[in-house]
Amino acid sequence: MRRSVCALLSREADFELICDAADGLQAVSEAERLQPNVVVLDITMPGMDGFEAASHIRKVASSIEIVFLSQNNSLESVKQAFRHGGRG
């Protein structure tokens, strides 16, 4: 799924894909190092879930916009995504 999303985004003229991370820990580390404009996170990731990763990213770089992309569409998950700093 990650590869498909990366391929889709890399075809868009308005996006520059600068990194993809295999797990939540790597996502936090790379977000801190690269300071991207937007981070796309899944709710369910190995090592650290997307909610926890978003909270860590918010602490180290509050200007990064966070978007969650997940198969989980429960109302509680959506609310939790926004509580952890997600914008969509």
Protein backbone atom coordinates (compact mmCIF):
# COMPACT_ATOMS: atom_id res chain seq x y z
CA MET A 1 0.00 0.00 0.00
CA ARG A 2 2.83 2.40 0.91
CA ARG A 3 4.46 1.91 -2.48
CA SER A 4 1.18 2.57 -4.27
CA VAL A 5 0.61 5.82 -2.37
CA CYS A 6 4.20 6.92 -3.06
CA ALA A 7 3.81 6.15 -6.76
CA LEU A 8 0.54 8.07 -6.92
CA LEU A 9 1.91 11.14 -5.13
CA SER A 10 5.17 11.19 -7.08
CA ARG A 11 3.18 11.59 -10.31
CA GLU A 12 1.61 14.83 -9.08
CA ALA A 13 3.33 18.01 -10.22
CA ASP A 14 2.51 19.79 -6.95
CA PHE A 15 4.22 17.15 -4.78
CA GLU A 16 7.82 16.23 -4.23
CA LEU A 17 8.13 12.92 -2.46
CA ILE A 18 11.23 13.19 -0.27
CA CYS A 19 10.97 10.06 1.86
CA ASP A 20 8.88 7.05 2.73
CA ALA A 21 9.11 5.32 6.08
CA ALA A 22 8.55 1.67 6.92
CA ASP A 23 7.30 2.30 10.46
CA GLY A 24 6.28 4.98 12.93
CA LEU A 25 9.73 5.35 14.48
CA GLN A 26 11.31 6.00 11.10
CA ALA A 27 8.51 8.41 10.18
CA VAL A 28 9.21 10.51 13.27
CA SER A 29 12.96 10.44 12.71
CA GLU A 30 12.69 11.40 9.04
CA ALA A 31 10.11 14.12 9.71
CA GLU A 32 12.44 15.67 12.27
CA ARG A 33 15.44 15.42 9.94
CA LEU A 34 13.78 16.54 6.69
CA GLN A 35 11.13 18.97 8.00
CA PRO A 36 8.64 18.31 5.16
CA ASN A 37 5.51 20.39 4.62
CA VAL A 38 3.23 17.35 4.86
CA VAL A 39 3.50 13.88 6.41
CA VAL A 40 1.06 11.14 5.44
CA LEU A 41 0.63 8.52 8.16
CA ASP A 42 -1.31 5.31 8.50
CA ILE A 43 -3.02 4.72 11.83
CA THR A 44 -1.63 1.18 12.03
CA MET A 45 2.15 1.01 11.62
CA PRO A 46 4.78 -1.23 13.16
CA GLY A 47 6.98 0.10 15.97
CA MET A 48 4.79 3.09 16.76
CA ASP A 49 1.22 3.68 15.62
CA GLY A 50 0.27 6.70 13.55
CA PHE A 51 -1.35 8.53 16.47
CA GLU A 52 1.79 8.30 18.59
CA ALA A 53 3.99 9.22 15.62
CA ALA A 54 1.83 12.28 14.93
CA SER A 55 2.14 13.41 18.54
CA HIS A 56 5.93 13.10 18.38
CA ILE A 57 6.08 14.93 15.05
CA ARG A 58 3.95 17.76 16.48
CA LYS A 59 6.46 18.13 19.36
CA VAL A 60 9.55 18.39 17.12
CA ALA A 61 8.03 20.30 14.20
CA SER A 62 4.65 21.88 14.83
CA SER A 63 4.53 23.42 11.33
CA ILE A 64 4.35 20.02 9.58
CA GLU A 65 0.85 19.21 8.37
CA ILE A 66 -0.22 15.64 9.14
CA VAL A 67 -2.67 13.70 7.01
CA PHE A 68 -3.88 10.23 7.97
CA LEU A 69 -4.56 7.65 5.30
CA SER A 70 -6.05 4.44 6.61
CA GLN A 71 -8.55 1.68 5.97
CA ASN A 72 -9.85 2.31 9.48
CA ASN A 73 -12.71 4.78 9.11
CA SER A 74 -14.43 4.51 12.49
CA LEU A 75 -15.65 7.78 13.96
CA GLU A 76 -13.48 7.26 17.03
CA SER A 77 -10.36 6.82 14.88
CA VAL A 78 -11.16 9.99 12.96
CA LYS A 79 -11.60 11.91 16.22
CA GLN A 80 -8.37 10.47 17.59
CA ALA A 81 -6.51 11.46 14.39
CA PHE A 82 -7.58 15.08 14.86
CA ARG A 83 -6.72 15.01 18.56
CA HIS A 84 -3.19 13.91 17.66
CA GLY A 85 -2.65 16.77 15.24
CA GLY A 86 -4.02 15.39 12.01
CA ARG A 87 -5.48 17.85 9.52
CA GLY A 88 -7.29 15.30 7.43
